[in-house]
N, C-alpha and C. Protein backbone atom coordinates (compact mmCIF):
# COMPACT_ATOMS: atom_id res chain seq x y z
N MET A 1 -51.04 -123.21 39.72
CA MET A 1 -51.74 -123.49 40.97
C MET A 1 -53.14 -122.90 40.89
N THR A 2 -54.18 -123.65 41.26
CA THR A 2 -55.55 -123.19 41.16
C THR A 2 -55.87 -122.27 42.33
N ALA A 3 -56.99 -121.51 42.16
CA ALA A 3 -57.34 -120.51 43.16
C ALA A 3 -57.55 -121.12 44.53
N ASN A 4 -58.19 -122.30 44.58
CA ASN A 4 -58.46 -122.87 45.89
C ASN A 4 -57.24 -123.55 46.49
N LEU A 5 -56.10 -123.48 45.84
CA LEU A 5 -54.84 -123.82 46.48
C LEU A 5 -54.12 -122.56 46.92
N GLN A 6 -54.31 -121.48 46.18
CA GLN A 6 -53.64 -120.22 46.50
C GLN A 6 -54.24 -119.56 47.75
N ASN A 7 -55.46 -119.92 48.12
CA ASN A 7 -56.06 -119.26 49.28
C ASN A 7 -55.66 -119.91 50.60
N ASN A 8 -54.77 -120.90 50.54
CA ASN A 8 -54.33 -121.59 51.75
C ASN A 8 -52.92 -122.13 51.50
N ILE A 9 -51.92 -121.37 51.92
CA ILE A 9 -50.52 -121.71 51.65
C ILE A 9 -49.74 -121.67 52.96
N VAL A 10 -49.06 -122.75 53.28
CA VAL A 10 -48.26 -122.79 54.49
C VAL A 10 -46.93 -123.45 54.19
N SER A 11 -45.88 -122.97 54.85
CA SER A 11 -44.55 -123.58 54.74
C SER A 11 -43.94 -123.59 56.13
N ILE A 12 -43.54 -124.78 56.59
CA ILE A 12 -42.88 -124.86 57.90
C ILE A 12 -41.62 -125.72 57.79
N SER A 13 -40.64 -125.38 58.62
CA SER A 13 -39.38 -126.12 58.66
C SER A 13 -39.07 -126.44 60.11
N GLY A 14 -38.63 -127.68 60.33
CA GLY A 14 -38.30 -128.02 61.70
C GLY A 14 -37.77 -129.43 61.85
N ARG A 15 -37.66 -129.83 63.11
CA ARG A 15 -37.10 -131.14 63.46
C ARG A 15 -38.21 -132.14 63.72
N VAL A 16 -38.07 -133.32 63.13
CA VAL A 16 -39.07 -134.38 63.30
C VAL A 16 -39.01 -134.91 64.73
N MET A 17 -40.19 -134.96 65.37
CA MET A 17 -40.30 -135.49 66.72
C MET A 17 -40.96 -136.87 66.64
N GLY A 18 -40.22 -137.92 66.99
CA GLY A 18 -40.78 -139.26 66.94
C GLY A 18 -40.83 -139.80 65.52
N GLU A 19 -41.48 -140.95 65.37
CA GLU A 19 -41.62 -141.58 64.07
C GLU A 19 -43.05 -141.38 63.55
N PRO A 20 -43.25 -141.41 62.22
CA PRO A 20 -44.59 -141.26 61.67
C PRO A 20 -45.54 -142.35 62.20
N GLU A 21 -46.78 -141.95 62.50
CA GLU A 21 -47.79 -142.89 62.96
C GLU A 21 -48.94 -142.94 61.96
N TYR A 22 -49.40 -144.14 61.64
CA TYR A 22 -50.50 -144.30 60.68
C TYR A 22 -51.74 -143.58 61.19
N SER A 23 -52.40 -142.84 60.28
CA SER A 23 -53.58 -142.08 60.65
C SER A 23 -54.85 -142.64 60.00
N HIS A 24 -54.88 -142.66 58.65
CA HIS A 24 -56.09 -143.10 57.96
C HIS A 24 -55.75 -143.39 56.51
N GLU A 25 -56.74 -143.86 55.79
CA GLU A 25 -56.57 -144.18 54.37
C GLU A 25 -57.73 -143.60 53.58
N ILE A 26 -57.42 -142.96 52.45
CA ILE A 26 -58.44 -142.39 51.57
C ILE A 26 -58.17 -142.86 50.15
N TYR A 27 -59.17 -143.53 49.55
CA TYR A 27 -59.05 -144.02 48.18
C TYR A 27 -57.76 -144.81 47.97
N GLY A 28 -57.43 -145.63 48.95
CA GLY A 28 -56.27 -146.51 48.83
C GLY A 28 -54.95 -145.87 49.18
N GLU A 29 -54.96 -144.56 49.51
CA GLU A 29 -53.72 -143.88 49.87
C GLU A 29 -53.64 -143.72 51.38
N LYS A 30 -52.54 -144.16 51.97
CA LYS A 30 -52.37 -144.09 53.42
C LYS A 30 -51.74 -142.76 53.82
N PHE A 31 -52.19 -142.26 54.98
CA PHE A 31 -51.67 -141.01 55.51
C PHE A 31 -51.13 -141.24 56.91
N TYR A 32 -50.06 -140.51 57.22
CA TYR A 32 -49.38 -140.66 58.50
C TYR A 32 -49.31 -139.31 59.20
N GLU A 33 -49.30 -139.34 60.52
CA GLU A 33 -49.16 -138.12 61.33
C GLU A 33 -47.73 -138.01 61.86
N VAL A 34 -47.19 -136.82 61.78
CA VAL A 34 -45.84 -136.53 62.25
C VAL A 34 -45.89 -135.19 63.00
N THR A 35 -45.05 -135.02 64.00
CA THR A 35 -44.95 -133.74 64.70
C THR A 35 -43.63 -133.08 64.34
N LEU A 36 -43.70 -131.79 63.95
CA LEU A 36 -42.49 -131.01 63.68
C LEU A 36 -42.28 -130.00 64.79
N CYS A 37 -41.05 -129.91 65.28
CA CYS A 37 -40.65 -128.90 66.26
C CYS A 37 -40.11 -127.71 65.48
N VAL A 38 -40.85 -126.60 65.50
CA VAL A 38 -40.51 -125.42 64.70
C VAL A 38 -40.13 -124.28 65.64
N LYS A 39 -38.94 -123.70 65.43
CA LYS A 39 -38.44 -122.62 66.28
C LYS A 39 -39.11 -121.29 65.95
N ARG A 40 -39.49 -120.56 66.99
CA ARG A 40 -39.91 -119.17 66.83
C ARG A 40 -38.68 -118.26 66.89
N LEU A 41 -38.86 -117.02 66.48
CA LEU A 41 -37.77 -116.05 66.58
C LEU A 41 -37.38 -115.83 68.03
N SER A 42 -38.34 -116.01 68.95
CA SER A 42 -38.08 -115.83 70.37
C SER A 42 -37.26 -116.97 70.96
N GLY A 43 -37.10 -118.05 70.18
CA GLY A 43 -36.40 -119.23 70.68
C GLY A 43 -37.31 -120.30 71.23
N MET A 44 -38.59 -119.97 71.43
CA MET A 44 -39.56 -120.97 71.87
C MET A 44 -39.87 -121.94 70.72
N ASP A 45 -40.45 -123.07 71.07
CA ASP A 45 -40.79 -124.07 70.08
C ASP A 45 -42.29 -124.16 69.88
N ASP A 46 -42.71 -124.34 68.63
CA ASP A 46 -44.07 -124.76 68.31
C ASP A 46 -44.00 -126.22 67.89
N LEU A 47 -44.83 -127.06 68.50
CA LEU A 47 -44.91 -128.47 68.13
C LEU A 47 -46.14 -128.65 67.27
N LEU A 48 -45.93 -128.78 65.96
CA LEU A 48 -47.02 -128.70 65.00
C LEU A 48 -47.30 -130.06 64.35
N PRO A 49 -48.59 -130.43 64.26
CA PRO A 49 -48.96 -131.69 63.63
C PRO A 49 -48.98 -131.55 62.11
N ILE A 50 -48.42 -132.53 61.41
CA ILE A 50 -48.50 -132.54 59.96
C ILE A 50 -49.03 -133.89 59.50
N SER A 51 -49.70 -133.88 58.35
CA SER A 51 -50.26 -135.09 57.76
C SER A 51 -49.55 -135.35 56.43
N VAL A 52 -48.93 -136.53 56.31
CA VAL A 52 -48.08 -136.85 55.15
C VAL A 52 -48.59 -138.12 54.49
N SER A 53 -48.75 -138.08 53.18
CA SER A 53 -49.16 -139.29 52.46
C SER A 53 -47.99 -140.26 52.35
N GLU A 54 -48.32 -141.52 52.17
CA GLU A 54 -47.29 -142.57 52.15
C GLU A 54 -46.24 -142.32 51.08
N HIS A 55 -46.65 -141.79 49.93
CA HIS A 55 -45.68 -141.63 48.84
C HIS A 55 -44.68 -140.51 49.10
N LEU A 56 -44.96 -139.63 50.11
CA LEU A 56 -44.01 -138.58 50.45
C LEU A 56 -43.09 -138.95 51.60
N LEU A 57 -43.40 -140.06 52.26
CA LEU A 57 -42.54 -140.48 53.36
C LEU A 57 -41.19 -140.95 52.83
N SER A 58 -40.16 -140.58 53.53
CA SER A 58 -38.81 -141.01 53.16
C SER A 58 -37.96 -140.98 54.41
N GLN A 59 -36.65 -141.14 54.23
CA GLN A 59 -35.76 -141.08 55.39
C GLN A 59 -35.80 -139.71 56.07
N ASP A 60 -36.35 -138.70 55.38
CA ASP A 60 -36.44 -137.36 55.96
C ASP A 60 -37.34 -137.31 57.20
N PHE A 61 -38.24 -138.24 57.34
CA PHE A 61 -39.23 -138.18 58.41
C PHE A 61 -38.91 -139.10 59.57
N HIS A 62 -37.63 -139.32 59.83
CA HIS A 62 -37.22 -140.07 61.01
C HIS A 62 -36.89 -139.10 62.14
N GLU A 63 -36.98 -139.60 63.36
CA GLU A 63 -36.68 -138.82 64.56
C GLU A 63 -35.38 -138.02 64.42
N GLY A 64 -35.45 -136.71 64.67
CA GLY A 64 -34.27 -135.87 64.68
C GLY A 64 -33.91 -135.25 63.34
N LYS A 65 -34.52 -135.72 62.25
CA LYS A 65 -34.23 -135.14 60.94
C LYS A 65 -34.87 -133.76 60.81
N TYR A 66 -34.25 -132.88 60.01
CA TYR A 66 -34.81 -131.56 59.73
C TYR A 66 -35.40 -131.55 58.33
N VAL A 67 -36.64 -131.07 58.21
CA VAL A 67 -37.31 -131.04 56.92
C VAL A 67 -38.05 -129.73 56.74
N THR A 68 -38.33 -129.40 55.49
CA THR A 68 -39.21 -128.30 55.13
C THR A 68 -40.38 -128.87 54.36
N VAL A 69 -41.60 -128.51 54.76
CA VAL A 69 -42.78 -129.00 54.05
C VAL A 69 -43.65 -127.81 53.66
N THR A 70 -44.35 -127.95 52.54
CA THR A 70 -45.31 -126.94 52.11
C THR A 70 -46.65 -127.63 51.88
N GLY A 71 -47.71 -126.87 52.03
CA GLY A 71 -49.03 -127.45 51.83
C GLY A 71 -50.12 -126.51 52.29
N GLN A 72 -51.12 -127.07 53.00
CA GLN A 72 -52.26 -126.29 53.46
C GLN A 72 -52.52 -126.55 54.94
N PHE A 73 -53.04 -125.54 55.64
CA PHE A 73 -53.46 -125.71 57.03
C PHE A 73 -54.93 -126.10 57.01
N ARG A 74 -55.23 -127.31 57.43
CA ARG A 74 -56.57 -127.86 57.28
C ARG A 74 -57.20 -128.22 58.62
N SER A 75 -58.53 -128.33 58.59
CA SER A 75 -59.28 -128.77 59.77
C SER A 75 -60.11 -129.99 59.40
N TYR A 76 -60.41 -130.78 60.43
CA TYR A 76 -61.35 -131.89 60.26
C TYR A 76 -61.98 -132.19 61.60
N ASN A 77 -63.13 -132.83 61.56
CA ASN A 77 -63.84 -133.16 62.79
C ASN A 77 -63.50 -134.59 63.21
N LYS A 78 -63.17 -134.75 64.48
CA LYS A 78 -62.84 -136.06 65.03
C LYS A 78 -63.79 -136.34 66.19
N THR A 79 -64.40 -137.51 66.17
CA THR A 79 -65.31 -137.89 67.23
C THR A 79 -64.53 -138.40 68.44
N VAL A 80 -64.71 -137.72 69.56
CA VAL A 80 -64.08 -138.12 70.82
C VAL A 80 -65.18 -138.38 71.83
N GLY A 81 -65.42 -139.65 72.14
CA GLY A 81 -66.56 -140.01 72.98
C GLY A 81 -67.85 -139.71 72.24
N ASP A 82 -68.70 -138.87 72.85
CA ASP A 82 -69.96 -138.50 72.20
C ASP A 82 -69.91 -137.09 71.65
N LYS A 83 -68.70 -136.52 71.53
CA LYS A 83 -68.55 -135.16 71.03
C LYS A 83 -67.68 -135.12 69.78
N SER A 84 -67.90 -134.07 68.98
CA SER A 84 -67.09 -133.85 67.79
C SER A 84 -66.10 -132.73 68.08
N LYS A 85 -64.82 -132.98 67.82
CA LYS A 85 -63.77 -132.02 68.13
C LYS A 85 -63.10 -131.56 66.84
N LEU A 86 -62.88 -130.23 66.73
CA LEU A 86 -62.21 -129.68 65.56
C LEU A 86 -60.71 -129.90 65.69
N MET A 87 -60.14 -130.62 64.73
CA MET A 87 -58.72 -130.91 64.72
C MET A 87 -58.05 -130.11 63.60
N LEU A 88 -56.80 -129.73 63.81
CA LEU A 88 -56.06 -128.95 62.83
C LEU A 88 -54.74 -129.62 62.51
N THR A 89 -54.34 -129.56 61.24
CA THR A 89 -53.08 -130.18 60.83
C THR A 89 -52.56 -129.49 59.58
N VAL A 90 -51.25 -129.54 59.37
CA VAL A 90 -50.65 -129.09 58.11
C VAL A 90 -50.66 -130.26 57.15
N PHE A 91 -51.45 -130.14 56.09
CA PHE A 91 -51.53 -131.18 55.07
C PHE A 91 -50.39 -130.97 54.08
N VAL A 92 -49.47 -131.93 54.00
CA VAL A 92 -48.25 -131.77 53.22
C VAL A 92 -48.50 -132.08 51.75
N ARG A 93 -48.14 -131.13 50.89
CA ARG A 93 -48.20 -131.36 49.45
C ARG A 93 -46.82 -131.58 48.84
N ASP A 94 -45.77 -131.05 49.49
CA ASP A 94 -44.43 -131.19 48.94
C ASP A 94 -43.42 -131.17 50.07
N VAL A 95 -42.33 -131.87 49.89
CA VAL A 95 -41.22 -131.90 50.84
C VAL A 95 -40.01 -131.29 50.15
N LEU A 96 -39.38 -130.29 50.78
CA LEU A 96 -38.27 -129.57 50.19
C LEU A 96 -37.00 -129.77 51.02
N PRO A 97 -35.83 -129.52 50.42
CA PRO A 97 -34.59 -129.56 51.20
C PRO A 97 -34.64 -128.54 52.34
N TYR A 98 -34.16 -128.91 53.50
CA TYR A 98 -34.18 -128.02 54.66
C TYR A 98 -33.20 -126.87 54.44
N ASP A 99 -33.67 -125.65 54.74
CA ASP A 99 -32.84 -124.46 54.59
C ASP A 99 -32.99 -123.62 55.85
N SER A 100 -31.96 -123.56 56.66
CA SER A 100 -32.03 -122.86 57.94
C SER A 100 -32.02 -121.35 57.79
N THR A 101 -31.81 -120.83 56.57
CA THR A 101 -31.72 -119.39 56.37
C THR A 101 -33.07 -118.74 56.06
N VAL A 102 -34.09 -119.54 55.81
CA VAL A 102 -35.40 -118.97 55.45
C VAL A 102 -36.32 -118.99 56.67
N ASN A 103 -37.36 -118.18 56.61
CA ASN A 103 -38.36 -118.15 57.69
C ASN A 103 -38.96 -119.55 57.85
N PRO A 104 -38.89 -120.13 59.07
CA PRO A 104 -39.32 -121.51 59.23
C PRO A 104 -40.82 -121.70 59.37
N ASN A 105 -41.59 -120.60 59.37
CA ASN A 105 -43.02 -120.75 59.63
C ASN A 105 -43.78 -119.60 58.98
N THR A 106 -44.34 -119.84 57.80
CA THR A 106 -45.10 -118.80 57.10
C THR A 106 -46.43 -119.37 56.64
N LEU A 107 -47.43 -118.51 56.64
CA LEU A 107 -48.78 -118.94 56.25
C LEU A 107 -49.53 -117.76 55.66
N GLU A 108 -50.37 -118.04 54.66
CA GLU A 108 -51.27 -117.04 54.09
C GLU A 108 -52.61 -117.70 53.79
N LEU A 109 -53.68 -117.10 54.29
CA LEU A 109 -55.03 -117.63 54.08
C LEU A 109 -55.94 -116.54 53.55
N THR A 110 -56.88 -116.92 52.69
CA THR A 110 -57.96 -116.04 52.28
C THR A 110 -59.27 -116.79 52.50
N GLY A 111 -60.16 -116.19 53.29
CA GLY A 111 -61.41 -116.88 53.59
C GLY A 111 -62.45 -115.91 54.12
N TYR A 112 -63.52 -116.49 54.67
CA TYR A 112 -64.66 -115.70 55.12
C TYR A 112 -64.82 -115.81 56.63
N ILE A 113 -65.06 -114.69 57.28
CA ILE A 113 -65.32 -114.69 58.71
C ILE A 113 -66.65 -115.41 58.96
N CYS A 114 -66.63 -116.46 59.76
CA CYS A 114 -67.84 -117.28 59.94
C CYS A 114 -68.43 -117.22 61.34
N LYS A 115 -67.81 -116.44 62.23
CA LYS A 115 -68.36 -116.16 63.56
C LYS A 115 -68.03 -114.72 63.91
N PRO A 116 -68.86 -114.06 64.74
CA PRO A 116 -68.51 -112.69 65.13
C PRO A 116 -67.13 -112.65 65.80
N PRO A 117 -66.21 -111.80 65.33
CA PRO A 117 -64.90 -111.68 65.97
C PRO A 117 -65.05 -111.29 67.45
N VAL A 118 -64.17 -111.84 68.28
CA VAL A 118 -64.22 -111.57 69.72
C VAL A 118 -62.99 -110.75 70.10
N TYR A 119 -63.23 -109.47 70.41
CA TYR A 119 -62.15 -108.56 70.80
C TYR A 119 -62.10 -108.49 72.32
N ARG A 120 -60.88 -108.51 72.88
CA ARG A 120 -60.74 -108.43 74.33
C ARG A 120 -59.34 -107.89 74.66
N THR A 121 -59.11 -107.64 75.93
CA THR A 121 -57.78 -107.24 76.39
C THR A 121 -57.33 -108.20 77.48
N THR A 122 -56.02 -108.42 77.56
CA THR A 122 -55.45 -109.29 78.57
C THR A 122 -55.32 -108.52 79.89
N PRO A 123 -55.05 -109.23 80.99
CA PRO A 123 -54.80 -108.53 82.27
C PRO A 123 -53.65 -107.52 82.18
N PHE A 124 -52.76 -107.71 81.20
CA PHE A 124 -51.65 -106.77 81.00
C PHE A 124 -52.00 -105.72 79.95
N ASN A 125 -53.31 -105.62 79.62
CA ASN A 125 -53.84 -104.61 78.71
C ASN A 125 -53.36 -104.79 77.26
N ARG A 126 -53.07 -106.03 76.90
CA ARG A 126 -52.72 -106.30 75.50
C ARG A 126 -53.99 -106.63 74.73
N GLU A 127 -54.13 -106.04 73.55
CA GLU A 127 -55.35 -106.23 72.74
C GLU A 127 -55.26 -107.50 71.91
N ILE A 128 -56.35 -108.28 71.93
CA ILE A 128 -56.43 -109.54 71.19
C ILE A 128 -57.80 -109.64 70.54
N CYS A 129 -57.85 -110.23 69.36
CA CYS A 129 -59.13 -110.53 68.73
C CYS A 129 -59.08 -111.94 68.14
N ASP A 130 -60.10 -112.75 68.47
CA ASP A 130 -60.21 -114.10 67.92
C ASP A 130 -61.11 -114.07 66.70
N VAL A 131 -60.63 -114.65 65.60
CA VAL A 131 -61.39 -114.69 64.35
C VAL A 131 -61.40 -116.13 63.85
N LEU A 132 -62.60 -116.64 63.52
CA LEU A 132 -62.70 -117.96 62.91
C LEU A 132 -62.92 -117.79 61.43
N LEU A 133 -62.01 -118.36 60.64
CA LEU A 133 -61.99 -118.16 59.19
C LEU A 133 -62.39 -119.44 58.48
N ALA A 134 -63.37 -119.34 57.57
CA ALA A 134 -63.74 -120.46 56.71
C ALA A 134 -63.01 -120.31 55.39
N VAL A 135 -62.13 -121.27 55.07
CA VAL A 135 -61.29 -121.21 53.87
C VAL A 135 -61.74 -122.31 52.92
N ASN A 136 -62.17 -121.92 51.73
CA ASN A 136 -62.67 -122.89 50.77
C ASN A 136 -61.57 -123.82 50.29
N ARG A 137 -61.97 -125.07 50.07
CA ARG A 137 -61.06 -126.09 49.57
C ARG A 137 -61.70 -126.75 48.35
N GLN A 138 -60.96 -127.59 47.67
CA GLN A 138 -61.50 -128.32 46.53
C GLN A 138 -62.66 -129.21 46.95
N TYR A 139 -63.49 -129.56 45.96
CA TYR A 139 -64.61 -130.49 46.15
C TYR A 139 -65.64 -129.96 47.13
N ASN A 140 -65.85 -128.63 47.11
CA ASN A 140 -66.88 -127.98 47.92
C ASN A 140 -66.69 -128.20 49.42
N LYS A 141 -65.46 -128.33 49.85
CA LYS A 141 -65.16 -128.45 51.27
C LYS A 141 -64.59 -127.13 51.79
N SER A 142 -64.61 -126.98 53.10
CA SER A 142 -64.03 -125.79 53.73
C SER A 142 -63.24 -126.20 54.96
N ASP A 143 -62.21 -125.42 55.25
CA ASP A 143 -61.44 -125.58 56.48
C ASP A 143 -61.78 -124.42 57.40
N TYR A 144 -61.96 -124.73 58.69
CA TYR A 144 -62.32 -123.71 59.67
C TYR A 144 -61.10 -123.47 60.57
N ILE A 145 -60.49 -122.30 60.38
CA ILE A 145 -59.18 -122.02 60.97
C ILE A 145 -59.29 -120.91 62.02
N PRO A 146 -58.98 -121.21 63.28
CA PRO A 146 -58.96 -120.17 64.31
C PRO A 146 -57.73 -119.29 64.17
N CYS A 147 -57.96 -117.98 64.20
CA CYS A 147 -56.87 -117.01 64.08
C CYS A 147 -56.88 -116.09 65.28
N ILE A 148 -55.71 -115.67 65.71
CA ILE A 148 -55.59 -114.73 66.82
C ILE A 148 -54.82 -113.51 66.32
N VAL A 149 -55.41 -112.33 66.55
CA VAL A 149 -54.90 -111.07 66.00
C VAL A 149 -54.55 -110.16 67.18
N TRP A 150 -53.46 -109.39 67.03
CA TRP A 150 -52.91 -108.62 68.15
C TRP A 150 -52.91 -107.13 67.87
N GLY A 151 -52.87 -106.33 68.96
CA GLY A 151 -52.64 -104.89 68.85
C GLY A 151 -53.67 -104.15 68.02
N ARG A 152 -53.21 -103.18 67.21
CA ARG A 152 -54.15 -102.41 66.39
C ARG A 152 -54.79 -103.28 65.33
N ASN A 153 -54.10 -104.35 64.91
CA ASN A 153 -54.74 -105.33 64.03
C ASN A 153 -55.97 -105.93 64.71
N ALA A 154 -55.87 -106.14 66.04
CA ALA A 154 -56.99 -106.72 66.79
C ALA A 154 -58.18 -105.76 66.78
N ARG A 155 -57.93 -104.46 66.96
CA ARG A 155 -59.01 -103.47 66.93
C ARG A 155 -59.68 -103.47 65.55
N PHE A 156 -58.86 -103.55 64.50
CA PHE A 156 -59.40 -103.58 63.14
C PHE A 156 -60.24 -104.84 62.93
N ALA A 157 -59.72 -106.00 63.35
CA ALA A 157 -60.44 -107.26 63.18
C ALA A 157 -61.76 -107.25 63.94
N GLY A 158 -61.76 -106.63 65.14
CA GLY A 158 -62.96 -106.58 65.94
C GLY A 158 -64.09 -105.80 65.29
N SER A 159 -63.77 -104.95 64.32
CA SER A 159 -64.80 -104.14 63.64
C SER A 159 -65.38 -104.86 62.42
N LEU A 160 -64.85 -106.04 62.07
CA LEU A 160 -65.30 -106.75 60.89
C LEU A 160 -66.56 -107.57 61.18
N SER A 161 -67.25 -107.95 60.12
CA SER A 161 -68.54 -108.63 60.26
C SER A 161 -68.48 -110.05 59.69
N VAL A 162 -69.40 -110.88 60.15
CA VAL A 162 -69.53 -112.23 59.61
C VAL A 162 -69.82 -112.13 58.11
N GLY A 163 -69.14 -112.95 57.33
CA GLY A 163 -69.34 -112.95 55.89
C GLY A 163 -68.32 -112.15 55.12
N GLU A 164 -67.56 -111.28 55.81
CA GLU A 164 -66.53 -110.52 55.11
C GLU A 164 -65.38 -111.43 54.71
N ARG A 165 -64.84 -111.16 53.54
CA ARG A 165 -63.72 -111.94 53.01
C ARG A 165 -62.43 -111.22 53.36
N ILE A 166 -61.50 -111.94 53.99
CA ILE A 166 -60.25 -111.32 54.40
C ILE A 166 -59.06 -112.20 54.02
N ASN A 167 -57.91 -111.56 53.97
CA ASN A 167 -56.64 -112.25 53.77
C ASN A 167 -55.80 -112.04 55.02
N VAL A 168 -55.22 -113.12 55.52
CA VAL A 168 -54.34 -112.99 56.69
C VAL A 168 -52.98 -113.62 56.36
N VAL A 169 -51.94 -113.00 56.90
CA VAL A 169 -50.58 -113.50 56.80
C VAL A 169 -50.07 -113.69 58.22
N GLY A 170 -49.38 -114.79 58.46
CA GLY A 170 -48.86 -115.02 59.80
C GLY A 170 -48.11 -116.33 59.89
N ARG A 171 -48.31 -117.03 61.03
CA ARG A 171 -47.65 -118.31 61.23
C ARG A 171 -48.57 -119.23 62.02
N VAL A 172 -48.29 -120.51 61.94
CA VAL A 172 -49.02 -121.50 62.72
C VAL A 172 -48.35 -121.63 64.08
N GLN A 173 -49.14 -121.63 65.13
CA GLN A 173 -48.54 -121.77 66.45
C GLN A 173 -49.30 -122.80 67.29
N SER A 174 -48.59 -123.37 68.25
CA SER A 174 -49.21 -124.25 69.24
C SER A 174 -49.25 -123.50 70.57
N ARG A 175 -50.28 -123.81 71.37
CA ARG A 175 -50.44 -123.12 72.65
C ARG A 175 -51.04 -124.09 73.65
N ASN A 176 -50.38 -124.25 74.79
CA ASN A 176 -50.90 -125.11 75.85
C ASN A 176 -51.88 -124.33 76.72
N TYR A 177 -52.92 -125.01 77.16
CA TYR A 177 -53.90 -124.37 78.06
C TYR A 177 -54.43 -125.41 79.04
N GLN A 178 -55.01 -124.92 80.13
CA GLN A 178 -55.55 -125.78 81.17
C GLN A 178 -57.06 -125.90 80.99
N LYS A 179 -57.57 -127.15 81.06
CA LYS A 179 -59.01 -127.38 80.94
C LYS A 179 -59.49 -128.19 82.13
N LYS A 180 -60.56 -127.70 82.76
CA LYS A 180 -61.14 -128.43 83.89
C LYS A 180 -62.20 -129.40 83.38
N LEU A 181 -62.07 -130.65 83.76
CA LEU A 181 -63.01 -131.70 83.34
C LEU A 181 -64.20 -131.75 84.29
N PRO A 182 -65.29 -132.44 83.88
CA PRO A 182 -66.47 -132.53 84.74
C PRO A 182 -66.19 -133.08 86.13
N ASP A 183 -65.15 -133.93 86.25
CA ASP A 183 -64.83 -134.49 87.57
C ASP A 183 -63.90 -133.59 88.37
N GLU A 184 -63.73 -132.33 87.90
CA GLU A 184 -62.95 -131.30 88.58
C GLU A 184 -61.43 -131.46 88.40
N THR A 185 -60.98 -132.50 87.70
CA THR A 185 -59.55 -132.60 87.43
C THR A 185 -59.18 -131.62 86.33
N VAL A 186 -57.93 -131.18 86.35
CA VAL A 186 -57.44 -130.21 85.37
C VAL A 186 -56.39 -130.89 84.50
N VAL A 187 -56.56 -130.77 83.16
CA VAL A 187 -55.61 -131.38 82.23
C VAL A 187 -55.02 -130.29 81.34
N THR A 188 -53.80 -130.54 80.88
CA THR A 188 -53.15 -129.62 79.93
C THR A 188 -53.41 -130.11 78.52
N ARG A 189 -53.93 -129.23 77.69
CA ARG A 189 -54.20 -129.57 76.29
C ARG A 189 -53.50 -128.56 75.39
N THR A 190 -53.42 -128.91 74.11
CA THR A 190 -52.73 -128.06 73.14
C THR A 190 -53.71 -127.58 72.08
N ALA A 191 -53.71 -126.27 71.84
CA ALA A 191 -54.50 -125.68 70.76
C ALA A 191 -53.57 -125.25 69.64
N TYR A 192 -54.08 -125.31 68.41
CA TYR A 192 -53.33 -124.86 67.25
C TYR A 192 -54.13 -123.73 66.60
N GLU A 193 -53.42 -122.69 66.18
CA GLU A 193 -54.09 -121.52 65.63
C GLU A 193 -53.11 -120.74 64.76
N VAL A 194 -53.63 -119.73 64.09
CA VAL A 194 -52.80 -118.84 63.28
C VAL A 194 -52.56 -117.56 64.06
N SER A 195 -51.30 -117.22 64.27
CA SER A 195 -50.94 -115.93 64.86
C SER A 195 -50.77 -114.95 63.69
N VAL A 196 -51.66 -113.96 63.62
CA VAL A 196 -51.75 -113.08 62.45
C VAL A 196 -50.83 -111.87 62.60
N SER A 197 -50.04 -111.61 61.56
CA SER A 197 -49.18 -110.42 61.55
C SER A 197 -49.73 -109.35 60.60
N LYS A 198 -50.61 -109.73 59.67
CA LYS A 198 -51.19 -108.78 58.72
C LYS A 198 -52.59 -109.26 58.35
N ILE A 199 -53.53 -108.33 58.33
CA ILE A 199 -54.91 -108.67 57.98
C ILE A 199 -55.43 -107.64 56.98
N THR A 200 -56.09 -108.12 55.93
CA THR A 200 -56.53 -107.27 54.85
C THR A 200 -57.92 -107.68 54.40
N VAL A 201 -58.81 -106.72 54.21
CA VAL A 201 -60.12 -107.01 53.64
C VAL A 201 -59.98 -107.22 52.14
N VAL A 202 -60.66 -108.23 51.62
CA VAL A 202 -60.62 -108.54 50.19
C VAL A 202 -61.95 -108.13 49.59
N ALA A 203 -61.93 -107.26 48.57
CA ALA A 203 -63.14 -106.81 47.91
C ALA A 203 -63.06 -107.09 46.43
N ASP A 204 -64.09 -107.72 45.89
CA ASP A 204 -64.16 -108.02 44.45
C ASP A 204 -62.92 -108.76 43.98
N ASP A 205 -62.48 -109.73 44.82
CA ASP A 205 -61.32 -110.57 44.51
C ASP A 205 -60.02 -109.80 44.42
N LEU A 206 -60.02 -108.56 44.85
CA LEU A 206 -58.79 -107.76 44.88
C LEU A 206 -58.57 -107.29 46.31
N MET A 207 -57.33 -107.08 46.67
CA MET A 207 -57.02 -106.59 48.01
C MET A 207 -57.49 -105.14 48.13
N ALA A 208 -58.29 -104.87 49.14
CA ALA A 208 -58.71 -103.49 49.41
C ALA A 208 -57.55 -102.71 50.00
N ASP A 209 -57.76 -101.42 50.10
CA ASP A 209 -56.69 -100.57 50.62
C ASP A 209 -56.72 -100.44 52.14
N SER A 210 -57.51 -101.31 52.81
CA SER A 210 -57.65 -101.19 54.26
C SER A 210 -56.69 -102.09 55.02
N ALA A 211 -55.60 -102.47 54.37
CA ALA A 211 -54.63 -103.33 55.07
C ALA A 211 -54.06 -102.61 56.27
N ILE A 212 -53.89 -103.38 57.32
CA ILE A 212 -53.22 -102.87 58.53
C ILE A 212 -51.90 -103.61 58.64
N GLN A 213 -50.82 -102.90 58.60
CA GLN A 213 -49.50 -103.53 58.67
C GLN A 213 -49.13 -103.74 60.13
């Protein structure tokens, strides 16, 4: 596996919601969008978008089937009206037999902080830090991945600077939020992000000793 595949690794397992829908075609290869319902340890569900090439589609991707997929968490820009919106999806590289005994949602990214981290506290005094990570991909492309860091990890992340290279371990999560439109109506939308359980500064291509567990 090459370095620019090792810096973005995700594995999710869950139940297929609906049937695959055609998304786009690149160099003659068709890609389809599928939603996987992935259980958290708390029992809640994450509804996660995945992108699957035609040659990986099989009977595994029908409504109600359980599958395990591995690949990369990627971003792309989609034009909506006169605005560009950052979209996130799990790009599937391999489909594996479903195994209910393994962690259904794991992710590891190594990339560069590309915006100043935003540290804050919730009304219940819980510490949170938002970090936007630029993760290099093949062919001189990058994925821009929003990450959310909690507790003392959040305090550590809030002290980091733009341009620092970090490694994060966690899971992909979906989160519903309310957005007020210009006409004052309120709509429910879904955000996708990485919930970070471990964050580490990377120095000289080696993990520094400043990991916060």
